[in-house]
Amino acid sequence: SAVNAAEKTLKIELISKGETHQFWQAVKKGAEDQAKLMNAEIHFQGPANETMIDKQLEMLDAAIALKPDAIGYAALGTTESVSHLKAANTAGIPVYMFDTAASCPGALGKSSDCALGVAYTDSKAAGKLAARKMNAMLGRKGGKVLVVGHSQTNQTGIDRRDGFVNQIKKYKNITLLTVQYSEGGDALKAQEIVSAALVANPDLKGIYGTNEGVSIGAGQAFKAAKLKKGKVKLIGFDSGKQQMENIKSGLQSGAITQSPMGIGAKTVEALVNYVRDGITPKPLIDTGFYYYNKRNINTIQKSLVTFTNNSIKSIIL
């Protein structure tokens, strides 16, 4: 009952798409901080990399077997996970998704047998913003641009790619090279791809990497090639320590960051309010995104960790 739920510390299982990248550690931190405010405990886990769909589904099944008060889930297998999420619903365990939604049949919400909703970033819009920033940096001369994606199957990867590609194609001064992929955002693979691209295209002008690992790998390729900083513009994704250092040094031009702590916090907040007070969360909670570069990086760093009334303070730049 709601009364009993209010008296006890709620147990929440959070299954992410990964655990090693700093992005997921920030999601975890946001979830932990919110849980402390609401008398809840979280168990956060994810596979070693974002290609391990089967491993993640094993984690989801194990979480369901524990019969927690609620589950948060970031979908790697957007179609593969649906039957597993329905199993959680059958077991009476509410699920709220984060970062990426599974392809649940019908509308998300209280009546769904899949999930209550999802706390997410509008990845297509974020990719579109990255393309606009790239075009602005390249100016009238334009040139060749390469997209290095982290996934062809994960919906977030697809949307970040498509948002950029569809927008960049509108600029006649830019030549878009064939999109390449780095196996879940593996930095070493991304470094290999970018190193080869620099050799094959000495006139390459811009690179867009769709996640943290890709962006770091591209930066490593720049260092190995001893490129003059700024010769090839690099726009990445997320806000890990290494990317921020690369932007401050001028090695990387800029990046799109989500609000990872906000994603974690909003997921926990939605689940606790539902279990404890019966408050049905919104089916879509847009946690926002921002572009940052050397000029505004200090402001962005502050905004990502500033909370107001248990919510991320949004600073749009």
C-alpha atoms as a PDB file:
ATOM      1  CA  SER A   1       0.000   0.000   0.000  1.00  0.00           C
ATOM      2  CA  ALA A   2       1.000   3.626  -0.327  1.00  0.00           C
ATOM      3  CA  VAL A   3       1.157   3.912   3.481  1.00  0.00           C
ATOM      4  CA  ASN A   4       3.549   0.993   3.778  1.00  0.00           C
ATOM      5  CA  ALA A   5       5.618   2.291   0.880  1.00  0.00           C
ATOM      6  CA  ALA A   6       6.028   5.624   2.668  1.00  0.00           C
ATOM      7  CA  GLU A   7       7.407   3.932   5.764  1.00  0.00           C
ATOM      8  CA  LYS A   8      10.098   1.835   4.133  1.00  0.00           C
ATOM      9  CA  THR A   9      13.191   2.495   2.074  1.00  0.00           C
ATOM     10  CA  LEU A  10      12.290   1.654  -1.509  1.00  0.00           C
ATOM     11  CA  LYS A  11      14.548  -0.660  -3.510  1.00  0.00           C
ATOM     12  CA  ILE A  12      15.073   0.355  -7.136  1.00  0.00           C
ATOM     13  CA  GLU A  13      17.044  -1.527  -9.773  1.00  0.00           C
ATOM     14  CA  LEU A  14      18.546   0.606 -12.559  1.00  0.00           C
ATOM     15  CA  ILE A  15      19.774  -1.190 -15.686  1.00  0.00           C
ATOM     16  CA  SER A  16      21.795   1.133 -17.914  1.00  0.00           C
ATOM     17  CA  LYS A  17      23.317   0.662 -21.373  1.00  0.00           C
ATOM     18  CA  GLY A  18      26.816   0.747 -19.939  1.00  0.00           C
ATOM     19  CA  GLU A  19      28.740   1.491 -16.792  1.00  0.00           C
ATOM     20  CA  THR A  20      32.311   2.445 -17.661  1.00  0.00           C
ATOM     21  CA  HIS A  21      31.778   5.715 -19.546  1.00  0.00           C
ATOM     22  CA  GLN A  22      31.688   8.829 -17.419  1.00  0.00           C
ATOM     23  CA  PHE A  23      28.254   9.616 -18.830  1.00  0.00           C
ATOM     24  CA  TRP A  24      26.758   6.572 -17.116  1.00  0.00           C
ATOM     25  CA  GLN A  25      28.614   7.339 -13.912  1.00  0.00           C
ATOM     26  CA  ALA A  26      26.991  10.785 -13.959  1.00  0.00           C
ATOM     27  CA  VAL A  27      23.560   9.202 -14.493  1.00  0.00           C
ATOM     28  CA  LYS A  28      24.287   6.962 -11.508  1.00  0.00           C
ATOM     29  CA  LYS A  29      25.320   9.932  -9.357  1.00  0.00           C
ATOM     30  CA  GLY A  30      22.130  11.814 -10.200  1.00  0.00           C
ATOM     31  CA  ALA A  31      20.062   8.743  -9.344  1.00  0.00           C
ATOM     32  CA  GLU A  32      21.898   8.188  -6.064  1.00  0.00           C
ATOM     33  CA  ASP A  33      21.515  11.804  -4.980  1.00  0.00           C
ATOM     34  CA  GLN A  34      17.793  11.798  -5.747  1.00  0.00           C
ATOM     35  CA  ALA A  35      17.322   8.451  -4.003  1.00  0.00           C
ATOM     36  CA  LYS A  36      18.856   9.825  -0.797  1.00  0.00           C
ATOM     37  CA  LEU A  37      16.390  12.716  -0.859  1.00  0.00           C
ATOM     38  CA  MET A  38      13.430  10.352  -1.225  1.00  0.00           C
ATOM     39  CA  ASN A  39      14.321   7.481   1.131  1.00  0.00           C
ATOM     40  CA  ALA A  40      15.194   5.032  -1.605  1.00  0.00           C
ATOM     41  CA  GLU A  41      18.174   2.857  -2.495  1.00  0.00           C
ATOM     42  CA  ILE A  42      19.326   2.111  -6.010  1.00  0.00           C
ATOM     43  CA  HIS A  43      21.364  -0.705  -7.490  1.00  0.00           C
ATOM     44  CA  PHE A  44      22.912   0.566 -10.708  1.00  0.00           C
ATOM     45  CA  GLN A  45      24.491  -1.741 -13.288  1.00  0.00           C
ATOM     46  CA  GLY A  46      25.158  -2.052 -17.006  1.00  0.00           C
ATOM     47  CA  PRO A  47      27.147  -4.197 -19.448  1.00  0.00           C
ATOM     48  CA  ALA A  48      30.802  -3.535 -20.255  1.00  0.00           C
ATOM     49  CA  ASN A  49      29.909  -1.920 -23.576  1.00  0.00           C
ATOM     50  CA  GLU A  50      26.843  -0.856 -25.501  1.00  0.00           C
ATOM     51  CA  THR A  51      26.809  -3.778 -27.919  1.00  0.00           C
ATOM     52  CA  MET A  52      26.091  -6.418 -25.246  1.00  0.00           C
ATOM     53  CA  ILE A  53      22.316  -6.642 -25.590  1.00  0.00           C
ATOM     54  CA  ASP A  54      22.091 -10.233 -24.337  1.00  0.00           C
ATOM     55  CA  LYS A  55      24.113  -9.412 -21.231  1.00  0.00           C
ATOM     56  CA  GLN A  56      21.910  -6.432 -20.481  1.00  0.00           C
ATOM     57  CA  LEU A  57      18.765  -8.534 -20.844  1.00  0.00           C
ATOM     58  CA  GLU A  58      20.240 -11.040 -18.380  1.00  0.00           C
ATOM     59  CA  MET A  59      20.683  -8.162 -15.937  1.00  0.00           C
ATOM     60  CA  LEU A  60      17.083  -7.082 -16.502  1.00  0.00           C
ATOM     61  CA  ASP A  61      15.771 -10.601 -15.881  1.00  0.00           C
ATOM     62  CA  ALA A  62      17.870 -10.901 -12.717  1.00  0.00           C
ATOM     63  CA  ALA A  63      16.520  -7.548 -11.515  1.00  0.00           C
ATOM     64  CA  ILE A  64      12.925  -8.707 -12.066  1.00  0.00           C
ATOM     65  CA  ALA A  65      13.646 -11.893 -10.100  1.00  0.00           C
ATOM     66  CA  LEU A  66      14.723  -9.787  -7.114  1.00  0.00           C
ATOM     67  CA  LYS A  67      11.189  -8.304  -6.976  1.00  0.00           C
ATOM     68  CA  PRO A  68      12.281  -4.711  -6.276  1.00  0.00           C
ATOM     69  CA  ASP A  69       9.831  -1.887  -5.728  1.00  0.00           C
ATOM     70  CA  ALA A  70      10.610  -0.498  -9.185  1.00  0.00           C
ATOM     71  CA  ILE A  71      12.959  -0.780 -12.163  1.00  0.00           C
ATOM     72  CA  GLY A  72      14.601   1.854 -14.343  1.00  0.00           C
ATOM     73  CA  TYR A  73      15.746   0.635 -17.755  1.00  0.00           C
ATOM     74  CA  ALA A  74      17.793   2.154 -20.589  1.00  0.00           C
ATOM     75  CA  ALA A  75      17.070   0.091 -23.687  1.00  0.00           C
ATOM     76  CA  LEU A  76      19.891  -1.419 -25.704  1.00  0.00           C
ATOM     77  CA  GLY A  77      17.587  -3.951 -27.295  1.00  0.00           C
ATOM     78  CA  THR A  78      14.698  -1.687 -28.217  1.00  0.00           C
ATOM     79  CA  THR A  79      12.630  -4.585 -29.596  1.00  0.00           C
ATOM     80  CA  GLU A  80      14.342  -7.497 -27.824  1.00  0.00           C
ATOM     81  CA  SER A  81      13.560  -6.086 -24.377  1.00  0.00           C
ATOM     82  CA  VAL A  82       9.792  -5.675 -24.803  1.00  0.00           C
ATOM     83  CA  SER A  83       8.865  -9.199 -23.641  1.00  0.00           C
ATOM     84  CA  HIS A  84      11.140  -8.787 -20.612  1.00  0.00           C
ATOM     85  CA  LEU A  85       9.505  -5.483 -19.681  1.00  0.00           C
ATOM     86  CA  LYS A  86       6.100  -7.101 -20.005  1.00  0.00           C
ATOM     87  CA  ALA A  87       7.307  -9.778 -17.585  1.00  0.00           C
ATOM     88  CA  ALA A  88       8.109  -7.050 -15.067  1.00  0.00           C
ATOM     89  CA  ASN A  89       4.613  -5.635 -15.526  1.00  0.00           C
ATOM     90  CA  THR A  90       3.082  -9.081 -14.968  1.00  0.00           C
ATOM     91  CA  ALA A  91       5.123  -9.356 -11.760  1.00  0.00           C
ATOM     92  CA  GLY A  92       3.665  -6.052 -10.587  1.00  0.00           C
ATOM     93  CA  ILE A  93       6.954  -4.123 -10.865  1.00  0.00           C
ATOM     94  CA  PRO A  94       6.616  -0.609 -12.324  1.00  0.00           C
ATOM     95  CA  VAL A  95       9.207   0.316 -14.967  1.00  0.00           C
ATOM     96  CA  TYR A  96      10.302   3.775 -16.057  1.00  0.00           C
ATOM     97  CA  MET A  97      12.831   3.932 -18.872  1.00  0.00           C
ATOM     98  CA  PHE A  98      15.716   6.361 -19.210  1.00  0.00           C
ATOM     99  CA  ASP A  99      17.974   7.634 -22.006  1.00  0.00           C
ATOM    100  CA  THR A 100      16.499   5.288 -24.641  1.00  0.00           C
ATOM    101  CA  ALA A 101      13.042   3.761 -24.808  1.00  0.00           C
ATOM    102  CA  ALA A 102      12.180   0.253 -25.894  1.00  0.00           C
ATOM    103  CA  SER A 103       9.760  -0.084 -28.803  1.00  0.00           C
ATOM    104  CA  CYS A 104       6.772  -0.714 -26.576  1.00  0.00           C
ATOM    105  CA  PRO A 105       3.496  -1.409 -28.371  1.00  0.00           C
ATOM    106  CA  GLY A 106       0.938   1.312 -27.833  1.00  0.00           C
ATOM    107  CA  ALA A 107       1.303   4.408 -25.711  1.00  0.00           C
ATOM    108  CA  LEU A 108       3.498   4.564 -22.639  1.00  0.00           C
ATOM    109  CA  GLY A 109       1.718   5.220 -19.350  1.00  0.00           C
ATOM    110  CA  LYS A 110      -0.150   3.614 -16.491  1.00  0.00           C
ATOM    111  CA  SER A 111      -2.201   1.441 -18.841  1.00  0.00           C
ATOM    112  CA  SER A 112       0.888   0.179 -20.701  1.00  0.00           C
ATOM    113  CA  ASP A 113       1.993  -3.399 -20.053  1.00  0.00           C
ATOM    114  CA  CYS A 114       5.552  -2.325 -20.939  1.00  0.00           C
ATOM    115  CA  ALA A 115       6.580   0.906 -19.173  1.00  0.00           C
ATOM    116  CA  LEU A 116       5.248   4.071 -17.566  1.00  0.00           C
ATOM    117  CA  GLY A 117       7.413   6.335 -19.699  1.00  0.00           C
ATOM    118  CA  VAL A 118      10.951   7.496 -20.430  1.00  0.00           C
ATOM    119  CA  ALA A 119      13.299  10.279 -19.285  1.00  0.00           C
ATOM    120  CA  TYR A 120      15.245  11.106 -22.392  1.00  0.00           C
ATOM    121  CA  THR A 121      17.105  13.559 -24.597  1.00  0.00           C
ATOM    122  CA  ASP A 122      15.645  14.518 -27.968  1.00  0.00           C
ATOM    123  CA  SER A 123      18.571  12.940 -29.836  1.00  0.00           C
ATOM    124  CA  LYS A 124      17.467  13.987 -33.321  1.00  0.00           C
ATOM    125  CA  ALA A 125      17.243  17.602 -32.235  1.00  0.00           C
ATOM    126  CA  ALA A 126      20.646  17.303 -30.542  1.00  0.00           C
ATOM    127  CA  GLY A 127      22.197  15.927 -33.726  1.00  0.00           C
ATOM    128  CA  LYS A 128      20.585  18.742 -35.712  1.00  0.00           C
ATOM    129  CA  LEU A 129      22.144  21.312 -33.377  1.00  0.00           C
ATOM    130  CA  ALA A 130      25.568  19.683 -33.837  1.00  0.00           C
ATOM    131  CA  ALA A 131      25.189  20.007 -37.622  1.00  0.00           C
ATOM    132  CA  ARG A 132      24.308  23.685 -37.351  1.00  0.00           C
ATOM    133  CA  LYS A 133      27.358  24.310 -35.183  1.00  0.00           C
ATOM    134  CA  MET A 134      29.578  22.412 -37.623  1.00  0.00           C
ATOM    135  CA  ASN A 135      28.296  24.415 -40.579  1.00  0.00           C
ATOM    136  CA  ALA A 136      28.838  27.669 -38.706  1.00  0.00           C
ATOM    137  CA  MET A 137      32.452  26.738 -37.909  1.00  0.00           C
ATOM    138  CA  LEU A 138      33.267  25.688 -41.477  1.00  0.00           C
ATOM    139  CA  GLY A 139      31.744  28.811 -42.975  1.00  0.00           C
ATOM    140  CA  ARG A 140      31.232  29.415 -46.686  1.00  0.00           C
ATOM    141  CA  LYS A 141      34.178  27.265 -47.736  1.00  0.00           C
ATOM    142  CA  GLY A 142      32.650  24.191 -46.119  1.00  0.00           C
ATOM    143  CA  GLY A 143      34.418  20.949 -46.978  1.00  0.00           C
ATOM    144  CA  LYS A 144      34.329  17.248 -46.209  1.00  0.00           C
ATOM    145  CA  VAL A 145      32.672  16.036 -42.999  1.00  0.00           C
ATOM    146  CA  LEU A 146      32.754  12.548 -41.486  1.00  0.00           C
ATOM    147  CA  VAL A 147      30.225  11.107 -39.037  1.00  0.00           C
ATOM    148  CA  VAL A 148      31.473   8.364 -36.719  1.00  0.00           C
ATOM    149  CA  GLY A 149      28.531   6.672 -35.022  1.00  0.00           C
ATOM    150  CA  HIS A 150      28.543   4.429 -31.980  1.00  0.00           C
ATOM    151  CA  SER A 151      25.635   2.184 -32.998  1.00  0.00           C
ATOM    152  CA  GLN A 152      23.510   1.279 -36.009  1.00  0.00           C
ATOM    153  CA  THR A 153      20.898  -0.540 -33.898  1.00  0.00           C
ATOM    154  CA  ASN A 154      20.564   1.500 -30.698  1.00  0.00           C
ATOM    155  CA  GLN A 155      17.812   4.106 -31.137  1.00  0.00           C
ATOM    156  CA  THR A 156      19.830   6.849 -29.481  1.00  0.00           C
ATOM    157  CA  GLY A 157      22.732   6.246 -31.867  1.00  0.00           C
ATOM    158  CA  ILE A 158      20.398   6.179 -34.841  1.00  0.00           C
ATOM    159  CA  ASP A 159      18.685   9.426 -33.850  1.00  0.00           C
ATOM    160  CA  ARG A 160      21.913  11.291 -33.093  1.00  0.00           C
ATOM    161  CA  ARG A 161      23.224  10.233 -36.489  1.00  0.00           C
ATOM    162  CA  ASP A 162      20.068  11.011 -38.434  1.00  0.00           C
ATOM    163  CA  GLY A 163      19.536  14.382 -36.776  1.00  0.00           C
ATOM    164  CA  PHE A 164      23.025  15.450 -37.867  1.00  0.00           C
ATOM    165  CA  VAL A 165      22.985  13.866 -41.326  1.00  0.00           C
ATOM    166  CA  ASN A 166      19.579  15.209 -42.327  1.00  0.00           C
ATOM    167  CA  GLN A 167      20.561  18.734 -41.309  1.00  0.00           C
ATOM    168  CA  ILE A 168      24.102  18.755 -42.718  1.00  0.00           C
ATOM    169  CA  LYS A 169      22.808  17.645 -46.123  1.00  0.00           C
ATOM    170  CA  LYS A 170      20.992  20.965 -46.378  1.00  0.00           C
ATOM    171  CA  TYR A 171      24.301  22.810 -46.661  1.00  0.00           C
ATOM    172  CA  LYS A 172      25.526  22.727 -50.263  1.00  0.00           C
ATOM    173  CA  ASN A 173      29.047  23.719 -49.237  1.00  0.00           C
ATOM    174  CA  ILE A 174      29.526  20.522 -47.211  1.00  0.00           C
ATOM    175  CA  THR A 175      30.363  17.074 -48.606  1.00  0.00           C
ATOM    176  CA  LEU A 176      29.241  14.278 -46.291  1.00  0.00           C
ATOM    177  CA  LEU A 177      31.419  11.157 -46.322  1.00  0.00           C
ATOM    178  CA  THR A 178      30.040   7.652 -45.707  1.00  0.00           C
ATOM    179  CA  VAL A 179      29.048   7.205 -42.057  1.00  0.00           C
ATOM    180  CA  GLN A 180      31.259   4.783 -40.145  1.00  0.00           C
ATOM    181  CA  TYR A 181      30.723   2.987 -36.818  1.00  0.00           C
ATOM    182  CA  SER A 182      32.909   2.260 -33.829  1.00  0.00           C
ATOM    183  CA  GLU A 183      31.316  -0.833 -32.271  1.00  0.00           C
ATOM    184  CA  GLY A 184      29.402   0.660 -29.371  1.00  0.00           C
ATOM    185  CA  GLY A 185      31.604   3.718 -29.022  1.00  0.00           C
ATOM    186  CA  ASP A 186      34.923   1.927 -28.556  1.00  0.00           C
ATOM    187  CA  ALA A 187      37.589   4.648 -28.412  1.00  0.00           C
ATOM    188  CA  LEU A 188      40.330   2.556 -30.013  1.00  0.00           C
ATOM    189  CA  LYS A 189      38.078   1.599 -32.936  1.00  0.00           C
ATOM    190  CA  ALA A 190      37.085   5.237 -33.372  1.00  0.00           C
ATOM    191  CA  GLN A 191      40.745   6.218 -33.362  1.00  0.00           C
ATOM    192  CA  GLU A 192      41.449   3.696 -36.143  1.00  0.00           C
ATOM    193  CA  ILE A 193      38.534   5.005 -38.219  1.00  0.00           C
ATOM    194  CA  VAL A 194      39.533   8.648 -37.858  1.00  0.00           C
ATOM    195  CA  SER A 195      43.233   7.949 -38.456  1.00  0.00           C
ATOM    196  CA  ALA A 196      42.379   6.179 -41.724  1.00  0.00           C
ATOM    197  CA  ALA A 197      40.016   8.983 -42.727  1.00  0.00           C
ATOM    198  CA  LEU A 198      42.702  11.608 -42.186  1.00  0.00           C
ATOM    199  CA  VAL A 199      45.054   9.718 -44.505  1.00  0.00           C
ATOM    200  CA  ALA A 200      42.399   9.061 -47.164  1.00  0.00           C
ATOM    201  CA  ASN A 201      41.046  12.613 -46.991  1.00  0.00           C
ATOM    202  CA  PRO A 202      43.842  15.119 -46.327  1.00  0.00           C
ATOM    203  CA  ASP A 203      41.267  17.854 -46.984  1.00  0.00           C
ATOM    204  CA  LEU A 204      38.896  16.604 -44.263  1.00  0.00           C
ATOM    205  CA  LYS A 205      37.391  19.568 -42.420  1.00  0.00           C
ATOM    206  CA  GLY A 206      35.041  18.189 -39.787  1.00  0.00           C
ATOM    207  CA  ILE A 207      34.161  15.135 -37.685  1.00  0.00           C
ATOM    208  CA  TYR A 208      31.044  14.471 -35.626  1.00  0.00           C
ATOM    209  CA  GLY A 209      31.199  11.696 -33.018  1.00  0.00           C
ATOM    210  CA  THR A 210      27.914  10.441 -31.583  1.00  0.00           C
ATOM    211  CA  ASN A 211      29.098   9.489 -28.102  1.00  0.00           C
ATOM    212  CA  GLU A 212      31.833   9.969 -25.546  1.00  0.00           C
ATOM    213  CA  GLY A 213      33.992   7.028 -26.645  1.00  0.00           C
ATOM    214  CA  VAL A 214      33.942   8.092 -30.302  1.00  0.00           C
ATOM    215  CA  SER A 215      34.863  11.656 -29.407  1.00  0.00           C
ATOM    216  CA  ILE A 216      37.798  10.577 -27.246  1.00  0.00           C
ATOM    217  CA  GLY A 217      39.031   8.206 -29.963  1.00  0.00           C
ATOM    218  CA  ALA A 218      38.894  10.972 -32.567  1.00  0.00           C
ATOM    219  CA  GLY A 219      40.930  13.199 -30.294  1.00  0.00           C
ATOM    220  CA  GLN A 220      43.529  10.453 -29.907  1.00  0.00           C
ATOM    221  CA  ALA A 221      43.744  10.185 -33.699  1.00  0.00           C
ATOM    222  CA  PHE A 222      44.332  13.946 -33.936  1.00  0.00           C
ATOM    223  CA  LYS A 223      47.183  13.677 -31.442  1.00  0.00           C
ATOM    224  CA  ALA A 224      48.746  10.719 -33.258  1.00  0.00           C
ATOM    225  CA  ALA A 225      48.610  12.605 -36.566  1.00  0.00           C
ATOM    226  CA  LYS A 226      50.061  15.700 -34.869  1.00  0.00           C
ATOM    227  CA  LEU A 227      47.331  17.847 -36.354  1.00  0.00           C
ATOM    228  CA  LYS A 228      47.393  21.540 -35.679  1.00  0.00           C
ATOM    229  CA  LYS A 229      44.603  22.232 -33.188  1.00  0.00           C
ATOM    230  CA  GLY A 230      41.501  23.372 -34.992  1.00  0.00           C
ATOM    231  CA  LYS A 231      42.596  22.185 -38.442  1.00  0.00           C
ATOM    232  CA  VAL A 232      39.821  19.562 -38.363  1.00  0.00           C
ATOM    233  CA  LYS A 233      36.752  20.571 -36.384  1.00  0.00           C
ATOM    234  CA  LEU A 234      35.527  17.930 -33.958  1.00  0.00           C
ATOM    235  CA  ILE A 235      32.091  17.992 -32.355  1.00  0.00           C
ATOM    236  CA  GLY A 236      31.459  15.224 -29.847  1.00  0.00           C
ATOM    237  CA  PHE A 237      28.749  14.093 -27.475  1.00  0.00           C
ATOM    238  CA  ASP A 238      28.476  14.053 -23.669  1.00  0.00           C
ATOM    239  CA  SER A 239      30.610  15.739 -21.035  1.00  0.00           C
ATOM    240  CA  GLY A 240      33.202  13.350 -19.612  1.00  0.00           C
ATOM    241  CA  LYS A 241      36.465  14.611 -18.119  1.00  0.00           C
ATOM    242  CA  GLN A 242      38.647  13.738 -21.125  1.00  0.00           C
ATOM    243  CA  GLN A 243      36.358  15.467 -23.617  1.00  0.00           C
ATOM    244  CA  MET A 244      36.220  18.567 -21.481  1.00  0.00           C
ATOM    245  CA  GLU A 245      40.010  18.646 -21.239  1.00  0.00           C
ATOM    246  CA  ASN A 246      40.254  18.263 -25.028  1.00  0.00           C
ATOM    247  CA  ILE A 247      37.877  21.174 -25.529  1.00  0.00           C
ATOM    248  CA  LYS A 248      39.740  23.376 -23.064  1.00  0.00           C
ATOM    249  CA  SER A 249      43.030  22.616 -24.840  1.00  0.00           C
ATOM    250  CA  GLY A 250      41.570  23.344 -28.288  1.00  0.00           C
ATOM    251  CA  LEU A 251      42.007  19.780 -29.549  1.00  0.00           C
ATOM    252  CA  GLN A 252      38.217  19.393 -29.808  1.00  0.00           C
ATOM    253  CA  SER A 253      35.927  22.171 -31.004  1.00  0.00           C
ATOM    254  CA  GLY A 254      32.840  21.453 -28.934  1.00  0.00           C
ATOM    255  CA  ALA A 255      30.258  18.897 -27.862  1.00  0.00           C
ATOM    256  CA  ILE A 256      26.608  18.323 -27.205  1.00  0.00           C
ATOM    257  CA  THR A 257      25.917  17.362 -23.631  1.00  0.00           C
ATOM    258  CA  GLN A 258      22.816  15.905 -22.172  1.00  0.00           C
ATOM    259  CA  SER A 259      21.974  16.358 -18.506  1.00  0.00           C
ATOM    260  CA  PRO A 260      23.134  12.928 -17.291  1.00  0.00           C
ATOM    261  CA  MET A 261      22.584  13.646 -13.608  1.00  0.00           C
ATOM    262  CA  GLY A 262      19.153  14.974 -14.489  1.00  0.00           C
ATOM    263  CA  ILE A 263      18.305  11.771 -16.371  1.00  0.00           C
ATOM    264  CA  GLY A 264      19.174   9.688 -13.320  1.00  0.00           C
ATOM    265  CA  ALA A 265      17.391  12.011 -10.915  1.00  0.00           C
ATOM    266  CA  LYS A 266      14.198  12.281 -12.945  1.00  0.00           C
ATOM    267  CA  THR A 267      13.987   8.494 -13.379  1.00  0.00           C
ATOM    268  CA  VAL A 268      14.233   7.894  -9.639  1.00  0.00           C
ATOM    269  CA  GLU A 269      11.847  10.748  -8.889  1.00  0.00           C
ATOM    270  CA  ALA A 270       9.232   9.339 -11.279  1.00  0.00           C
ATOM    271  CA  LEU A 271       9.446   5.822  -9.842  1.00  0.00           C
ATOM    272  CA  VAL A 272       9.403   6.839  -6.174  1.00  0.00           C
ATOM    273  CA  ASN A 273       6.439   9.191  -6.619  1.00  0.00           C
ATOM    274  CA  TYR A 274       4.542   6.455  -8.446  1.00  0.00           C
ATOM    275  CA  VAL A 275       5.231   3.707  -5.909  1.00  0.00           C
ATOM    276  CA  ARG A 276       4.871   5.832  -2.798  1.00  0.00           C
ATOM    277  CA  ASP A 277       2.087   8.265  -3.733  1.00  0.00           C
ATOM    278  CA  GLY A 278       0.455   6.776  -6.819  1.00  0.00           C
ATOM    279  CA  ILE A 279       1.458   9.792  -8.937  1.00  0.00           C
ATOM    280  CA  THR A 280       1.623   8.721 -12.577  1.00  0.00           C
ATOM    281  CA  PRO A 281       4.650  10.346 -14.237  1.00  0.00           C
ATOM    282  CA  LYS A 282       4.581  11.977 -17.634  1.00  0.00           C
ATOM    283  CA  PRO A 283       5.153   9.409 -20.387  1.00  0.00           C
ATOM    284  CA  LEU A 284       7.965  11.614 -21.774  1.00  0.00           C
ATOM    285  CA  ILE A 285      10.284  13.679 -19.597  1.00  0.00           C
ATOM    286  CA  ASP A 286      12.649  15.681 -21.809  1.00  0.00           C
ATOM    287  CA  THR A 287      15.802  16.345 -19.790  1.00  0.00           C
ATOM    288  CA  GLY A 288      17.331  18.723 -22.342  1.00  0.00           C
ATOM    289  CA  PHE A 289      20.679  19.130 -24.108  1.00  0.00           C
ATOM    290  CA  TYR A 290      23.220  21.895 -24.571  1.00  0.00           C
ATOM    291  CA  TYR A 291      26.109  22.773 -26.879  1.00  0.00           C
ATOM    292  CA  TYR A 292      29.320  23.793 -25.182  1.00  0.00           C
ATOM    293  CA  ASN A 293      32.773  24.846 -26.305  1.00  0.00           C
ATOM    294  CA  LYS A 294      35.833  26.519 -24.828  1.00  0.00           C
ATOM    295  CA  ARG A 295      33.924  29.768 -24.246  1.00  0.00           C
ATOM    296  CA  ASN A 296      31.047  28.430 -22.151  1.00  0.00           C
ATOM    297  CA  ILE A 297      32.440  25.185 -20.735  1.00  0.00           C
ATOM    298  CA  ASN A 298      32.748  26.503 -17.181  1.00  0.00           C
ATOM    299  CA  THR A 299      29.099  27.551 -17.155  1.00  0.00           C
ATOM    300  CA  ILE A 300      28.021  24.163 -18.480  1.00  0.00           C
ATOM    301  CA  GLN A 301      30.067  22.322 -15.863  1.00  0.00           C
ATOM    302  CA  LYS A 302      28.297  24.251 -13.138  1.00  0.00           C
ATOM    303  CA  SER A 303      24.844  23.755 -14.674  1.00  0.00           C
ATOM    304  CA  LEU A 304      25.206  19.973 -14.849  1.00  0.00           C
ATOM    305  CA  VAL A 305      25.543  19.673 -11.084  1.00  0.00           C
ATOM    306  CA  THR A 306      23.188  22.422  -9.911  1.00  0.00           C
ATOM    307  CA  PHE A 307      19.882  21.303  -8.429  1.00  0.00           C
ATOM    308  CA  THR A 308      16.872  23.479  -7.698  1.00  0.00           C
ATOM    309  CA  ASN A 309      13.927  21.848  -5.879  1.00  0.00           C
ATOM    310  CA  ASN A 310      15.318  18.390  -6.679  1.00  0.00           C
ATOM    311  CA  SER A 311      15.531  19.237 -10.372  1.00  0.00           C
ATOM    312  CA  ILE A 312      18.399  20.055 -12.707  1.00  0.00           C
ATOM    313  CA  LYS A 313      18.694  23.785 -13.272  1.00  0.00           C
ATOM    314  CA  SER A 314      18.543  24.285 -17.020  1.00  0.00           C
ATOM    315  CA  ILE A 315      20.954  26.707 -18.641  1.00  0.00           C
ATOM    316  CA  ILE A 316      20.417  26.899 -22.386  1.00  0.00           C
ATOM    317  CA  LEU A 317      23.287  28.411 -24.338  1.00  0.00           C
END
